[in-house]
């Protein structure tokens, strides 16, 4: 996978949106909109020792862009619906709150997620109540789907009195069939509703043929891991995070995808940021490091190395959307440990990335004419990595300049042409905000630089380049973005 790099040049890859009009700026956004919490994580949620980041502002770049060009993979988030119960961590919201579920699903859609797979714990439970809220919200969002994953806990904690595990599971699936299969938002494959399970075969002995016969609608059963492809009644299998694996689960994923390709059945891949159950009541201190976002990116690399436009991965599950207790949630974002240091020298602004720039997709420049609060937004190009990174103010214009093209990780990077100028005149004051954006990254790095453009008298006492007097400009460096695969 090629990691798309950064460019210090104003570039809009879509038809340009002109936000400079004469001597003024046409506002298109606000600084608050670009920096405040834009996730469904609770506004007051704080960073945790297991690697979960506090709520903040994350990139809205489509998660599909982490996959190779041409893949038609559906991307689903694994959703936990137990929050708000007294025996689970308080994350600042209840899974049964319709307003919260609306925020979660609209947040997922904004990141390019196609649906959810719900970890379900049985009929008439707290989680079942929340599932009905999710179903109602999904039905109001065209194209967004949901499916049920029956957790072994549905048998352990929600069985009928005196029932065997077999009968308990039959009862549960008959309820799912009656309650959820008929929803227009329920996930199907060739017309068949999709059902998965979590660790049921590890805990119980189930006659799956007898269970299927007890249902009027025969679902497509997806099982787990490599063995799931050869499981009785299997329509395919899904992969999961393996927290004890020594190589971040990459060899497991490679083996799983190989088995799936050979089977010809439905394959549901996995992408995850890491794992840490040190805060879970049931935890056993299993830890898979996040590697400042590299674990997340490597799980996509495994997919991109095996699948392409002629051999597409059918589905991908993000493990997980919101399991805060096991440290796999991506709801609040993934920290790539990236920051920017910056300095103003004369009329030039230069910035230096600190951290792995391979996790950054692009920079954005925000500008506003004071005291007007709304801002104009321009994007610094996605397809180049140019050094030095600088923004220079020259008489009459704000001009973005670039240096020589470089190579990154052995990949040739093409040079982009300069574009975009803003006319600056005496008496106007501007703020310029530079935002390096990263995929699913919450953490913002802020450095504010202000510089008063010298008057003519000041310029006689300085060697700095001449600039129209009376201007003041500020530079604020904030967050970082994500990678893009090779097109």
Protein backbone atom coordinates (compact mmCIF):
# COMPACT_ATOMS: atom_id res chain seq x y z
CA UNK A 1 0.00 0.00 0.00
CA UNK A 2 1.38 3.36 -0.94
CA UNK A 3 1.09 5.95 1.79
CA UNK A 4 -0.11 9.20 0.31
CA UNK A 5 2.04 12.04 1.50
CA UNK A 6 1.71 15.70 2.35
CA UNK A 7 2.21 18.76 0.21
CA UNK A 8 2.73 22.38 1.11
CA UNK A 9 0.67 23.64 -1.76
CA UNK A 10 -2.91 24.79 -1.93
CA UNK A 11 -4.76 22.23 -4.00
CA UNK A 12 -8.39 21.27 -4.33
CA UNK A 13 -8.83 17.87 -5.94
CA UNK A 14 -12.50 18.55 -6.57
CA UNK A 15 -13.58 21.54 -8.65
CA UNK A 16 -12.08 24.51 -6.81
CA UNK A 17 -14.22 26.30 -4.28
CA UNK A 18 -13.10 29.90 -4.46
CA UNK A 19 -13.00 31.36 -0.98
CA UNK A 20 -11.07 34.52 -1.81
CA UNK A 21 -13.18 37.32 -3.26
CA UNK A 22 -11.38 40.52 -4.06
CA UNK A 23 -9.93 41.86 -0.84
CA UNK A 24 -11.99 39.68 1.47
CA UNK A 25 -12.55 36.05 2.40
CA UNK A 26 -15.78 34.21 1.64
CA UNK A 27 -16.41 32.12 4.77
CA UNK A 28 -17.19 28.41 4.47
CA UNK A 29 -16.55 27.11 8.00
CA UNK A 30 -15.60 28.13 11.53
CA UNK A 31 -12.63 27.26 13.71
CA UNK A 32 -14.99 25.73 16.26
CA UNK A 33 -16.44 23.42 13.61
CA UNK A 34 -12.94 22.29 12.67
CA UNK A 35 -11.67 21.72 16.21
CA UNK A 36 -14.60 20.71 18.44
CA UNK A 37 -15.74 17.15 19.14
CA UNK A 38 -17.29 15.82 15.93
CA UNK A 39 -17.62 12.20 17.06
CA UNK A 40 -20.38 10.29 18.82
CA UNK A 41 -18.11 9.77 21.83
CA UNK A 42 -19.41 11.60 24.89
CA UNK A 43 -18.17 15.22 24.95
CA UNK A 44 -16.61 14.81 28.39
CA UNK A 45 -14.93 11.47 27.72
CA UNK A 46 -11.27 11.56 28.83
CA UNK A 47 -8.25 9.60 27.62
CA UNK A 48 -7.75 6.26 29.34
CA UNK A 49 -4.70 4.25 30.29
CA UNK A 50 -5.67 1.44 27.89
CA UNK A 51 -5.11 3.67 24.87
CA UNK A 52 -8.60 5.08 24.31
CA UNK A 53 -8.36 8.74 23.35
CA UNK A 54 -10.54 11.50 24.73
CA UNK A 55 -13.36 12.77 22.56
CA UNK A 56 -12.34 15.38 20.02
CA UNK A 57 -12.24 16.12 16.30
CA UNK A 58 -11.46 13.31 13.86
CA UNK A 59 -10.99 13.17 10.12
CA UNK A 60 -14.08 12.59 8.00
CA UNK A 61 -12.12 10.90 5.24
CA UNK A 62 -13.89 7.77 4.00
CA UNK A 63 -12.51 4.58 5.53
CA UNK A 64 -12.80 2.90 2.12
CA UNK A 65 -9.87 5.01 0.94
CA UNK A 66 -7.62 2.86 3.13
CA UNK A 67 -8.46 -0.02 0.79
CA UNK A 68 -6.92 -0.51 -2.64
CA UNK A 69 -8.62 1.21 -5.53
CA UNK A 70 -11.29 -0.95 -7.13
CA UNK A 71 -12.25 -2.93 -4.02
CA UNK A 72 -16.01 -2.96 -3.52
CA UNK A 73 -15.75 -4.01 0.11
CA UNK A 74 -18.60 -3.26 2.48
CA UNK A 75 -17.30 -1.90 5.78
CA UNK A 76 -19.15 -2.67 9.01
CA UNK A 77 -18.49 -1.54 12.55
CA UNK A 78 -18.80 -3.99 15.43
CA UNK A 79 -21.13 -2.30 17.92
CA UNK A 80 -21.42 -2.93 21.67
CA UNK A 81 -24.79 -1.98 23.19
CA UNK A 82 -24.22 -2.54 26.88
CA UNK A 83 -23.24 0.98 27.93
CA UNK A 84 -25.52 2.48 30.53
CA UNK A 85 -25.68 -0.76 32.50
CA UNK A 86 -24.25 -0.65 36.03
CA UNK A 87 -21.93 -3.61 35.39
CA UNK A 88 -20.11 -1.88 32.52
CA UNK A 89 -17.81 1.10 32.23
CA UNK A 90 -19.39 4.53 32.30
CA UNK A 91 -18.44 6.13 28.97
CA UNK A 92 -20.83 9.06 29.27
CA UNK A 93 -23.81 7.73 27.33
CA UNK A 94 -26.48 5.05 27.30
CA UNK A 95 -26.80 2.63 24.39
CA UNK A 96 -30.59 2.79 24.68
CA UNK A 97 -30.72 6.56 24.14
CA UNK A 98 -32.17 7.21 20.66
CA UNK A 99 -30.31 10.53 20.40
CA UNK A 100 -27.01 8.78 21.14
CA UNK A 101 -27.71 6.02 18.62
CA UNK A 102 -28.51 8.69 16.04
CA UNK A 103 -25.17 10.38 16.77
CA UNK A 104 -23.33 7.07 16.45
CA UNK A 105 -24.85 6.05 13.14
CA UNK A 106 -24.51 9.49 11.56
CA UNK A 107 -20.90 9.56 12.77
CA UNK A 108 -20.28 6.15 11.17
CA UNK A 109 -21.88 7.24 7.91
CA UNK A 110 -19.68 10.36 7.86
CA UNK A 111 -16.62 8.08 8.01
CA UNK A 112 -17.87 5.86 5.18
CA UNK A 113 -19.12 2.93 7.28
CA UNK A 114 -21.90 0.90 5.62
CA UNK A 115 -23.52 -0.73 8.65
CA UNK A 116 -23.11 -2.38 12.05
CA UNK A 117 -22.78 -5.92 13.39
CA UNK A 118 -24.35 -5.92 16.86
CA UNK A 119 -23.00 -7.98 19.74
CA UNK A 120 -26.38 -9.32 20.94
CA UNK A 121 -27.10 -10.88 24.34
CA UNK A 122 -30.59 -12.28 23.98
CA UNK A 123 -34.22 -11.27 23.84
CA UNK A 124 -35.77 -8.74 26.20
CA UNK A 125 -32.41 -7.66 27.58
CA UNK A 126 -30.90 -4.18 27.84
CA UNK A 127 -28.90 -4.95 24.70
CA UNK A 128 -32.03 -6.08 22.88
CA UNK A 129 -33.79 -2.84 23.78
CA UNK A 130 -30.80 -0.94 22.38
CA UNK A 131 -30.82 -3.11 19.26
CA UNK A 132 -34.38 -2.05 18.54
CA UNK A 133 -33.27 1.58 18.78
CA UNK A 134 -30.46 0.85 16.31
CA UNK A 135 -32.91 -0.86 13.95
CA UNK A 136 -35.21 2.17 13.96
CA UNK A 137 -32.31 4.53 13.26
CA UNK A 138 -30.87 2.28 10.53
CA UNK A 139 -34.25 2.20 8.81
CA UNK A 140 -34.16 5.99 8.63
CA UNK A 141 -30.71 6.01 6.98
CA UNK A 142 -30.89 4.77 3.36
CA UNK A 143 -28.35 2.08 2.60
CA UNK A 144 -27.24 1.59 6.21
CA UNK A 145 -27.70 -1.97 7.46
CA UNK A 146 -27.37 -3.98 10.66
CA UNK A 147 -26.92 -7.65 11.55
CA UNK A 148 -27.04 -9.73 14.72
CA UNK A 149 -24.04 -11.51 16.21
CA UNK A 150 -25.39 -13.86 18.90
CA UNK A 151 -22.91 -13.81 21.77
CA UNK A 152 -22.46 -16.96 23.83
CA UNK A 153 -23.65 -14.79 26.72
CA UNK A 154 -27.14 -14.93 25.24
CA UNK A 155 -27.20 -18.62 26.18
CA UNK A 156 -25.28 -18.25 29.44
CA UNK A 157 -27.28 -15.37 30.89
CA UNK A 158 -30.58 -15.30 28.99
CA UNK A 159 -31.74 -18.90 28.68
CA UNK A 160 -35.25 -20.07 29.39
CA UNK A 161 -35.63 -21.91 32.72
CA UNK A 162 -34.55 -25.53 32.37
CA UNK A 163 -33.65 -25.16 28.70
CA UNK A 164 -30.66 -26.88 27.17
CA UNK A 165 -28.15 -24.67 25.28
CA UNK A 166 -29.61 -26.06 22.04
CA UNK A 167 -33.17 -25.06 22.91
CA UNK A 168 -32.04 -21.72 24.31
CA UNK A 169 -30.29 -20.85 21.04
CA UNK A 170 -33.31 -21.98 19.00
CA UNK A 171 -35.51 -19.69 21.10
CA UNK A 172 -33.12 -16.79 20.65
CA UNK A 173 -32.87 -17.17 16.88
CA UNK A 174 -36.63 -17.58 16.50
CA UNK A 175 -36.97 -14.28 18.33
CA UNK A 176 -34.36 -12.67 16.01
CA UNK A 177 -36.22 -14.06 13.01
CA UNK A 178 -39.52 -12.60 14.21
CA UNK A 179 -38.15 -9.29 15.48
CA UNK A 180 -35.37 -8.31 13.09
CA UNK A 181 -35.23 -10.32 9.86
CA UNK A 182 -38.19 -8.45 8.38
CA UNK A 183 -36.57 -5.04 8.83
CA UNK A 184 -35.69 -3.42 5.48
CA UNK A 185 -32.38 -2.42 7.07
CA UNK A 186 -31.40 -5.94 8.12
CA UNK A 187 -28.23 -7.13 6.37
CA UNK A 188 -28.77 -9.77 3.70
CA UNK A 189 -26.64 -11.75 1.29
CA UNK A 190 -28.42 -12.85 -1.88
CA UNK A 191 -31.71 -12.34 -0.09
CA UNK A 192 -30.77 -14.31 3.03
CA UNK A 193 -30.45 -12.54 6.41
CA UNK A 194 -26.92 -12.74 7.82
CA UNK A 195 -26.32 -14.11 11.33
CA UNK A 196 -23.00 -14.53 13.09
CA UNK A 197 -22.10 -15.71 16.57
CA UNK A 198 -19.32 -15.17 19.05
CA UNK A 199 -17.67 -18.21 20.65
CA UNK A 200 -20.84 -20.32 20.90
CA UNK A 201 -19.08 -23.43 19.61
CA UNK A 202 -16.29 -22.94 22.14
CA UNK A 203 -18.75 -23.01 25.03
CA UNK A 204 -21.55 -25.32 23.86
CA UNK A 205 -22.30 -28.28 21.63
CA UNK A 206 -24.90 -27.17 19.09
CA UNK A 207 -26.68 -29.14 16.37
CA UNK A 208 -26.72 -26.40 13.75
CA UNK A 209 -28.75 -28.43 11.25
CA UNK A 210 -31.52 -28.93 13.81
CA UNK A 211 -31.35 -25.26 14.74
CA UNK A 212 -31.67 -24.20 11.10
CA UNK A 213 -34.63 -26.55 10.62
CA UNK A 214 -36.41 -24.83 13.52
CA UNK A 215 -36.41 -21.52 11.64
CA UNK A 216 -38.90 -20.56 8.94
CA UNK A 217 -36.31 -18.25 7.33
CA UNK A 218 -32.95 -19.91 6.83
CA UNK A 219 -30.22 -17.33 7.39
CA UNK A 220 -26.70 -17.23 6.03
CA UNK A 221 -24.58 -18.35 8.98
CA UNK A 222 -21.11 -16.87 9.29
CA UNK A 223 -18.74 -18.58 11.71
CA UNK A 224 -15.30 -17.70 13.11
CA UNK A 225 -11.69 -17.96 12.00
CA UNK A 226 -10.23 -20.38 9.44
CA UNK A 227 -12.30 -23.30 10.68
CA UNK A 228 -15.47 -21.31 10.11
CA UNK A 229 -15.21 -21.87 6.36
CA UNK A 230 -15.63 -25.65 6.80
CA UNK A 231 -18.20 -25.44 9.59
CA UNK A 232 -21.50 -27.22 9.02
CA UNK A 233 -24.00 -24.87 7.32
CA UNK A 234 -21.27 -22.31 6.84
CA UNK A 235 -21.88 -19.51 4.39
CA UNK A 236 -18.54 -17.98 5.30
CA UNK A 237 -16.47 -16.78 8.21
CA UNK A 238 -15.17 -13.66 9.93
CA UNK A 239 -11.82 -12.80 11.47
CA UNK A 240 -11.18 -11.06 14.76
CA UNK A 241 -8.47 -9.34 16.78
CA UNK A 242 -5.99 -11.79 18.33
CA UNK A 243 -4.58 -9.92 21.33
CA UNK A 244 -1.97 -12.52 22.29
CA UNK A 245 -0.45 -12.80 18.80
CA UNK A 246 3.22 -11.82 18.71
CA UNK A 247 2.97 -10.08 15.34
CA UNK A 248 -0.16 -8.00 15.91
CA UNK A 249 -2.25 -10.76 14.38
CA UNK A 250 -0.89 -10.22 10.87
CA UNK A 251 0.05 -13.88 10.23
CA UNK A 252 -3.37 -14.91 11.51
CA UNK A 253 -5.05 -12.49 9.11
CA UNK A 254 -2.92 -13.67 6.18
CA UNK A 255 -3.84 -17.28 6.93
CA UNK A 256 -7.52 -16.38 7.31
CA UNK A 257 -7.67 -14.54 3.99
CA UNK A 258 -5.88 -17.41 2.27
CA UNK A 259 -8.38 -19.89 3.65
CA UNK A 260 -11.25 -17.66 2.62
CA UNK A 261 -10.01 -17.27 -0.93
CA UNK A 262 -9.62 -21.05 -1.25
CA UNK A 263 -13.09 -21.74 0.17
CA UNK A 264 -14.96 -19.47 -2.22
CA UNK A 265 -17.30 -18.50 0.61
CA UNK A 266 -18.14 -15.17 2.19
CA UNK A 267 -15.09 -13.57 3.82
CA UNK A 268 -15.41 -10.88 6.48
CA UNK A 269 -12.02 -9.37 7.21
CA UNK A 270 -10.94 -7.46 10.31
CA UNK A 271 -9.29 -4.11 10.94
CA UNK A 272 -8.37 -2.99 14.43
CA UNK A 273 -6.21 -0.44 16.22
CA UNK A 274 -4.98 -2.77 18.99
CA UNK A 275 -6.28 -4.35 22.18
CA UNK A 276 -5.93 -3.70 25.92
CA UNK A 277 -8.32 -5.24 28.44
CA UNK A 278 -6.56 -3.89 31.54
CA UNK A 279 -9.64 -1.78 32.43
CA UNK A 280 -12.20 -4.53 31.77
CA UNK A 281 -13.73 -6.24 34.81
CA UNK A 282 -13.08 -9.58 33.08
CA UNK A 283 -9.70 -8.61 31.70
CA UNK A 284 -6.56 -10.74 31.88
CA UNK A 285 -4.11 -7.98 30.91
CA UNK A 286 -3.93 -8.95 27.27
CA UNK A 287 -2.33 -6.14 25.30
CA UNK A 288 -1.71 -5.54 21.61
CA UNK A 289 -0.02 -2.18 21.11
CA UNK A 290 -1.44 0.46 18.78
CA UNK A 291 2.01 1.51 17.50
CA UNK A 292 0.79 5.08 17.02
CA UNK A 293 -1.75 3.98 14.41
CA UNK A 294 0.51 1.51 12.61
CA UNK A 295 -1.39 -1.56 13.87
CA UNK A 296 -4.54 -0.11 12.30
CA UNK A 297 -2.80 0.57 8.98
CA UNK A 298 -1.11 -2.83 8.84
CA UNK A 299 -4.44 -4.62 9.07
CA UNK A 300 -5.46 -2.77 5.91
CA UNK A 301 -2.14 -3.61 4.28
CA UNK A 302 -2.90 -7.32 4.70
CA UNK A 303 -6.10 -6.84 2.72
CA UNK A 304 -4.50 -4.72 0.02
CA UNK A 305 -1.75 -7.29 -0.50
CA UNK A 306 -4.23 -10.06 -1.32
CA UNK A 307 -7.29 -8.44 -2.83
CA UNK A 308 -7.77 -6.20 -5.85
CA UNK A 309 -10.40 -5.00 -8.30
CA UNK A 310 -10.72 -8.46 -9.86
CA UNK A 311 -10.68 -10.31 -6.52
CA UNK A 312 -12.48 -8.13 -4.00
CA UNK A 313 -12.88 -8.70 -0.27
CA UNK A 314 -16.67 -8.93 0.26
CA UNK A 315 -16.82 -7.36 3.72
CA UNK A 316 -14.65 -5.85 6.44
CA UNK A 317 -15.52 -5.54 10.13
CA UNK A 318 -13.96 -2.77 12.21
CA UNK A 319 -13.13 -4.33 15.57
CA UNK A 320 -14.59 -2.40 17.30
CA UNK A 321 -16.61 0.79 17.18
CA UNK A 322 -16.98 1.18 20.93
CA UNK A 323 -15.56 -1.57 23.13
CA UNK A 324 -13.93 0.88 25.50
CA UNK A 325 -13.33 -1.83 28.09
CA UNK A 326 -11.06 -3.92 25.87
CA UNK A 327 -9.39 -0.88 24.34
CA UNK A 328 -10.45 -1.54 20.75
CA UNK A 329 -12.86 1.38 20.24
CA UNK A 330 -12.38 3.75 17.33
CA UNK A 331 -15.38 5.93 18.16
CA UNK A 332 -13.21 8.60 19.80
CA UNK A 333 -10.40 8.22 17.24
CA UNK A 334 -6.92 6.70 16.99
CA UNK A 335 -3.85 8.58 18.13
CA UNK A 336 -0.99 8.56 15.62
CA UNK A 337 1.34 10.42 18.01
CA UNK A 338 1.87 13.09 15.37
CA UNK A 339 2.54 16.75 16.01
CA UNK A 340 3.90 19.75 14.18
CA UNK A 341 6.49 22.31 15.23
CA UNK A 342 6.43 25.63 13.44
CA UNK A 343 8.22 28.93 13.25
CA UNK A 344 7.74 32.25 11.50
CA UNK A 345 10.88 33.73 10.01
CA UNK A 346 10.41 37.12 8.41
CA UNK A 347 7.52 36.58 6.06
CA UNK A 348 7.83 32.82 5.77
CA UNK A 349 6.16 30.14 7.83
CA UNK A 350 7.95 26.79 8.04
CA UNK A 351 6.67 23.67 9.74
CA UNK A 352 8.31 20.40 10.65
CA UNK A 353 6.34 17.18 11.27
CA UNK A 354 7.16 15.19 14.39
CA UNK A 355 6.11 11.57 14.13
CA UNK A 356 5.36 9.23 11.25
CA UNK A 357 4.22 11.42 8.37
CA UNK A 358 3.04 8.28 6.61
CA UNK A 359 -0.10 8.48 8.75
CA UNK A 360 -0.94 11.96 7.42
CA UNK A 361 -3.19 12.44 4.41
CA UNK A 362 -3.12 16.19 3.84
CA UNK A 363 -2.95 19.61 5.40
CA UNK A 364 -5.74 22.13 5.38
CA UNK A 365 -5.32 25.86 5.56
CA UNK A 366 -8.03 27.91 7.23
CA UNK A 367 -8.13 31.66 6.88
CA UNK A 368 -10.38 34.37 8.18
CA UNK A 369 -10.43 38.11 7.98
CA UNK A 370 -10.70 39.58 11.46
CA UNK A 371 -12.95 40.29 13.21
CA UNK A 372 -15.17 38.08 11.01
CA UNK A 373 -15.51 34.69 12.71
CA UNK A 374 -16.40 32.31 9.83
CA UNK A 375 -13.45 30.92 7.91
CA UNK A 376 -12.43 29.88 4.43
CA UNK A 377 -10.91 26.44 4.02
CA UNK A 378 -8.37 25.30 1.43
CA UNK A 379 -6.75 21.88 1.19
CA UNK A 380 -3.06 21.17 0.77
CA UNK A 381 -2.62 18.42 -1.79
CA UNK A 382 -2.82 14.70 -1.10
CA UNK A 383 -0.46 13.36 -3.71
CA UNK A 384 2.88 14.93 -2.96
CA UNK A 385 5.44 15.14 -0.20
CA UNK A 386 7.28 18.42 -0.61
CA UNK A 387 10.10 19.95 1.41
CA UNK A 388 10.54 22.60 2.61
CA UNK A 389 7.02 23.15 3.82
CA UNK A 390 6.36 26.86 3.83
CA UNK A 391 3.75 29.54 3.42
CA UNK A 392 5.06 32.93 2.38
CA UNK A 393 3.32 36.28 2.43
CA UNK A 394 4.55 38.55 -0.37
CA UNK A 395 3.44 42.08 -1.25
CA UNK A 396 -0.18 42.03 -2.32
CA UNK A 397 -0.71 38.29 -2.02
CA UNK A 398 -0.61 35.31 0.27
CA UNK A 399 1.21 32.76 -1.84
CA UNK A 400 1.80 29.11 -1.00
CA UNK A 401 5.20 27.95 -2.17
CA UNK A 402 6.71 24.49 -2.47
CA UNK A 403 10.14 22.97 -2.68
CA UNK A 404 11.57 20.02 -4.56
CA UNK A 405 9.73 16.72 -4.82
CA UNK A 406 11.01 13.97 -2.55
CA UNK A 407 10.67 10.21 -2.28
CA UNK A 408 9.10 8.54 0.72
CA UNK A 409 9.60 4.89 1.62
CA UNK A 410 10.98 4.24 -1.85
CA UNK A 411 7.91 5.43 -3.70
CA UNK A 412 8.28 8.18 -6.32
CA UNK A 413 6.12 11.16 -5.55
CA UNK A 414 4.98 13.45 -8.30
CA UNK A 415 5.27 17.20 -7.98
CA UNK A 416 2.20 19.38 -7.77
CA UNK A 417 1.93 22.81 -9.28
CA UNK A 418 1.30 25.85 -7.14
CA UNK A 419 -2.24 27.18 -7.13
CA UNK A 420 -4.32 29.50 -5.02
CA UNK A 421 -3.59 33.09 -4.04
CA UNK A 422 -5.30 35.46 -1.67
CA UNK A 423 -5.07 39.19 -2.16
CA UNK A 424 -4.01 40.95 1.03
CA UNK A 425 -4.36 44.70 1.26
CA UNK A 426 -3.32 47.25 3.89
CA UNK A 427 -5.88 47.59 6.66
CA UNK A 428 -7.03 43.96 6.51
CA UNK A 429 -6.23 41.45 9.21
CA UNK A 430 -6.19 37.73 8.56
CA UNK A 431 -5.80 34.51 10.49
CA UNK A 432 -4.37 31.45 8.77
CA UNK A 433 -4.84 28.04 10.37
CA UNK A 434 -2.98 24.99 9.12
CA UNK A 435 -4.52 21.62 9.96
CA UNK A 436 -2.60 18.43 9.18
CA UNK A 437 -5.39 15.85 9.16
CA UNK A 438 -5.21 12.17 10.01
CA UNK A 439 -7.65 9.31 9.69
CA UNK A 440 -9.58 8.57 12.88
CA UNK A 441 -7.19 10.69 14.88
CA UNK A 442 -8.59 12.63 17.74
CA UNK A 443 -5.57 14.37 19.15
CA UNK A 444 -5.01 17.96 18.12
CA UNK A 445 -1.65 19.65 18.30
CA UNK A 446 -1.86 23.39 18.58
CA UNK A 447 0.83 25.97 18.02
CA UNK A 448 -0.18 29.59 17.58
CA UNK A 449 2.13 32.02 15.88
CA UNK A 450 1.22 35.65 15.41
CA UNK A 451 3.17 38.12 13.42
CA UNK A 452 2.56 41.81 12.91
CA UNK A 453 3.52 42.94 9.44
CA UNK A 454 5.90 45.81 9.75
CA UNK A 455 5.09 49.39 8.89
CA UNK A 456 7.29 51.28 6.46
CA UNK A 457 9.24 52.72 9.38
CA UNK A 458 9.79 49.27 10.81
CA UNK A 459 10.90 47.96 7.44
CA UNK A 460 13.63 50.57 7.23
CA UNK A 461 15.06 49.09 10.41
CA UNK A 462 14.75 45.47 9.27
CA UNK A 463 15.99 43.23 6.51
CA UNK A 464 12.69 41.36 6.35
CA UNK A 465 10.95 41.43 2.96
CA UNK A 466 8.57 44.33 2.41
CA UNK A 467 4.93 43.59 3.13
CA UNK A 468 1.91 45.82 3.04
CA UNK A 469 1.58 47.58 6.42
CA UNK A 470 -1.24 47.12 8.89
CA UNK A 471 -1.67 43.36 8.43
CA UNK A 472 -1.63 40.77 11.16
CA UNK A 473 -1.68 37.09 10.50
CA UNK A 474 -1.73 34.03 12.73
CA UNK A 475 -0.87 30.42 12.13
CA UNK A 476 -2.41 27.61 14.14
CA UNK A 477 -1.19 24.06 13.59
CA UNK A 478 -3.63 21.39 14.52
CA UNK A 479 -4.15 17.67 13.90
CA UNK A 480 -3.15 15.12 11.29
CA UNK A 481 -4.98 12.81 8.88
CA UNK A 482 -4.42 9.30 7.51
CA UNK A 483 -2.98 7.27 4.68
CA UNK A 484 -4.34 6.43 1.28
CA UNK A 485 -3.63 3.24 -0.67
CA UNK A 486 -2.06 2.98 -4.04
CA UNK A 487 -4.55 3.82 -6.78
